[in-house]
Amino acid sequence: MPTELSMPPMLGNAGLICSRVEAGGALRATARCLRELHAHGICHGDVKQRNVVRHMDGGWILCDMDA
């Protein structure tokens, strides 16, 4: 069953997860981002669905939409 992750309107349809494969890619990218942050002693502190954003180039970004 496809999982849909809604993203900010500025990303349009590029922010939607349409399959489990894409969801897995988002999860792996988020883990890599967190590993890098933690390696530098930084704690994100607000990892949630709306803070994992697909870039227009197809990559994934971990951000803080409430900052």
N, C-alpha and C. Protein backbone atom coordinates (compact mmCIF):
# COMPACT_ATOMS: atom_id res chain seq x y z
N MET A 1 0.85 -1.18 0.00
CA MET A 1 0.00 0.00 0.00
C MET A 1 0.89 1.24 0.00
N PRO A 2 0.72 2.17 -0.93
CA PRO A 2 1.55 3.38 -0.99
C PRO A 2 1.37 4.24 0.25
N THR A 3 2.44 4.88 0.63
CA THR A 3 2.42 5.82 1.75
C THR A 3 2.56 7.20 1.17
N GLU A 4 1.74 8.13 1.63
CA GLU A 4 1.84 9.50 1.13
C GLU A 4 2.34 10.40 2.25
N LEU A 5 3.36 11.17 1.96
CA LEU A 5 3.93 12.11 2.89
C LEU A 5 3.75 13.49 2.28
N SER A 6 2.92 14.31 2.90
CA SER A 6 2.69 15.63 2.34
C SER A 6 3.84 16.55 2.71
N MET A 7 4.19 17.43 1.80
CA MET A 7 5.30 18.33 1.98
C MET A 7 4.85 19.76 1.73
N PRO A 8 5.69 20.71 2.07
CA PRO A 8 5.35 22.11 1.85
C PRO A 8 5.02 22.38 0.39
N PRO A 9 4.07 23.29 0.14
CA PRO A 9 3.64 23.56 -1.24
C PRO A 9 4.75 23.99 -2.18
N MET A 10 5.84 24.57 -1.66
CA MET A 10 6.92 25.04 -2.53
C MET A 10 7.58 23.88 -3.27
N LEU A 11 7.39 22.67 -2.79
CA LEU A 11 8.00 21.52 -3.46
C LEU A 11 7.06 20.84 -4.44
N GLY A 12 5.78 21.21 -4.39
CA GLY A 12 4.81 20.60 -5.29
C GLY A 12 4.76 19.10 -5.13
N ASN A 13 4.54 18.37 -6.21
CA ASN A 13 4.44 16.91 -6.16
C ASN A 13 5.78 16.24 -5.88
N ALA A 14 6.87 16.99 -5.98
CA ALA A 14 8.18 16.41 -5.72
C ALA A 14 8.32 16.01 -4.25
N GLY A 15 7.42 16.46 -3.38
CA GLY A 15 7.52 16.15 -1.97
C GLY A 15 6.71 14.95 -1.54
N LEU A 16 6.13 14.22 -2.47
CA LEU A 16 5.29 13.08 -2.10
C LEU A 16 6.03 11.76 -2.19
N ILE A 17 5.86 10.94 -1.17
CA ILE A 17 6.38 9.58 -1.21
C ILE A 17 5.27 8.72 -1.80
N CYS A 18 5.57 8.00 -2.87
CA CYS A 18 4.56 7.24 -3.59
C CYS A 18 4.71 5.74 -3.41
N SER A 19 5.78 5.28 -2.80
CA SER A 19 5.97 3.84 -2.66
C SER A 19 6.79 3.53 -1.42
N ARG A 20 6.80 2.26 -1.05
CA ARG A 20 7.63 1.83 0.08
C ARG A 20 9.10 1.99 -0.24
N VAL A 21 9.46 1.83 -1.50
CA VAL A 21 10.86 2.01 -1.91
C VAL A 21 11.29 3.45 -1.65
N GLU A 22 10.45 4.41 -2.03
CA GLU A 22 10.76 5.82 -1.78
C GLU A 22 10.78 6.13 -0.29
N ALA A 23 9.87 5.53 0.46
CA ALA A 23 9.86 5.73 1.91
C ALA A 23 11.16 5.20 2.52
N GLY A 24 11.63 4.05 2.03
CA GLY A 24 12.90 3.50 2.51
C GLY A 24 14.06 4.42 2.19
N GLY A 25 14.04 5.02 1.00
CA GLY A 25 15.08 5.98 0.62
C GLY A 25 15.08 7.19 1.53
N ALA A 26 13.89 7.68 1.87
CA ALA A 26 13.78 8.83 2.77
C ALA A 26 14.31 8.47 4.15
N LEU A 27 14.00 7.27 4.62
CA LEU A 27 14.45 6.82 5.93
C LEU A 27 15.97 6.67 5.97
N ARG A 28 16.55 6.08 4.93
CA ARG A 28 18.01 5.92 4.87
C ARG A 28 18.71 7.29 4.82
N ALA A 29 18.17 8.21 4.03
CA ALA A 29 18.76 9.54 3.94
C ALA A 29 18.68 10.27 5.28
N THR A 30 17.55 10.12 5.97
CA THR A 30 17.39 10.74 7.28
C THR A 30 18.40 10.17 8.27
N ALA A 31 18.60 8.86 8.23
CA ALA A 31 19.58 8.23 9.12
C ALA A 31 20.98 8.74 8.83
N ARG A 32 21.33 8.89 7.54
CA ARG A 32 22.65 9.42 7.18
C ARG A 32 22.82 10.85 7.71
N CYS A 33 21.78 11.66 7.55
CA CYS A 33 21.84 13.04 8.05
C CYS A 33 22.04 13.07 9.56
N LEU A 34 21.27 12.24 10.27
CA LEU A 34 21.39 12.21 11.73
C LEU A 34 22.76 11.72 12.16
N ARG A 35 23.28 10.71 11.47
CA ARG A 35 24.62 10.19 11.79
C ARG A 35 25.66 11.31 11.64
N GLU A 36 25.56 12.08 10.57
CA GLU A 36 26.50 13.18 10.34
C GLU A 36 26.35 14.27 11.40
N LEU A 37 25.12 14.64 11.72
CA LEU A 37 24.90 15.64 12.76
C LEU A 37 25.48 15.18 14.09
N HIS A 38 25.17 13.93 14.47
CA HIS A 38 25.64 13.40 15.75
C HIS A 38 27.16 13.29 15.79
N ALA A 39 27.79 13.00 14.66
CA ALA A 39 29.25 12.92 14.60
C ALA A 39 29.90 14.28 14.91
N HIS A 40 29.13 15.35 14.69
CA HIS A 40 29.62 16.70 14.98
C HIS A 40 29.05 17.24 16.30
N GLY A 41 28.44 16.36 17.08
CA GLY A 41 27.91 16.76 18.38
C GLY A 41 26.63 17.56 18.33
N ILE A 42 25.91 17.46 17.23
CA ILE A 42 24.67 18.22 17.05
C ILE A 42 23.48 17.27 17.18
N CYS A 43 22.49 17.69 17.96
CA CYS A 43 21.25 16.92 18.10
C CYS A 43 20.13 17.70 17.43
N HIS A 44 19.49 17.12 16.40
CA HIS A 44 18.42 17.79 15.67
C HIS A 44 17.26 18.11 16.60
N GLY A 45 16.78 17.12 17.33
CA GLY A 45 15.76 17.33 18.35
C GLY A 45 14.33 17.45 17.86
N ASP A 46 14.10 17.42 16.56
CA ASP A 46 12.73 17.57 16.07
C ASP A 46 12.53 16.79 14.77
N VAL A 47 12.95 15.53 14.77
CA VAL A 47 12.78 14.70 13.57
C VAL A 47 11.34 14.24 13.51
N LYS A 48 10.67 14.65 12.45
CA LYS A 48 9.28 14.25 12.23
C LYS A 48 9.00 14.33 10.74
N GLN A 49 7.86 13.83 10.35
CA GLN A 49 7.48 13.71 8.94
C GLN A 49 7.66 15.01 8.16
N ARG A 50 7.19 16.11 8.67
CA ARG A 50 7.25 17.35 7.89
C ARG A 50 8.65 17.93 7.78
N ASN A 51 9.62 17.39 8.54
CA ASN A 51 10.99 17.88 8.47
C ASN A 51 11.89 17.04 7.57
N VAL A 52 11.32 16.05 6.92
CA VAL A 52 12.05 15.25 5.92
C VAL A 52 11.45 15.63 4.56
N VAL A 53 12.21 16.37 3.79
CA VAL A 53 11.70 17.00 2.57
C VAL A 53 12.45 16.48 1.36
N ARG A 54 11.70 16.18 0.31
CA ARG A 54 12.34 15.77 -0.95
C ARG A 54 12.68 17.01 -1.75
N HIS A 55 13.94 17.08 -2.15
CA HIS A 55 14.40 18.19 -2.98
C HIS A 55 13.93 17.95 -4.41
N MET A 56 13.86 19.00 -5.18
CA MET A 56 13.42 18.88 -6.58
C MET A 56 14.33 17.96 -7.39
N ASP A 57 15.59 17.77 -6.95
CA ASP A 57 16.50 16.88 -7.68
C ASP A 57 16.31 15.41 -7.30
N GLY A 58 15.35 15.13 -6.41
CA GLY A 58 15.04 13.76 -6.01
C GLY A 58 15.70 13.32 -4.72
N GLY A 59 16.66 14.10 -4.24
CA GLY A 59 17.32 13.79 -2.97
C GLY A 59 16.44 14.17 -1.78
N TRP A 60 16.90 13.82 -0.60
CA TRP A 60 16.15 14.10 0.63
C TRP A 60 16.92 15.05 1.52
N ILE A 61 16.20 15.92 2.22
CA ILE A 61 16.79 16.93 3.09
C ILE A 61 16.13 16.80 4.46
N LEU A 62 16.93 16.84 5.51
CA LEU A 62 16.41 16.91 6.87
C LEU A 62 16.50 18.37 7.29
N CYS A 63 15.37 18.96 7.58
CA CYS A 63 15.34 20.37 7.95
C CYS A 63 14.52 20.53 9.23
N ASP A 64 14.28 21.76 9.62
CA ASP A 64 13.40 22.04 10.76
C ASP A 64 12.43 23.12 10.31
N MET A 65 11.23 22.68 9.93
CA MET A 65 10.23 23.59 9.38
C MET A 65 9.68 24.56 10.43
N ASP A 66 9.84 24.24 11.71
CA ASP A 66 9.30 25.10 12.78
C ASP A 66 10.32 26.07 13.32
N ALA A 67 11.53 26.03 12.79
CA ALA A 67 12.60 26.91 13.33
C ALA A 67 12.36 28.35 12.94
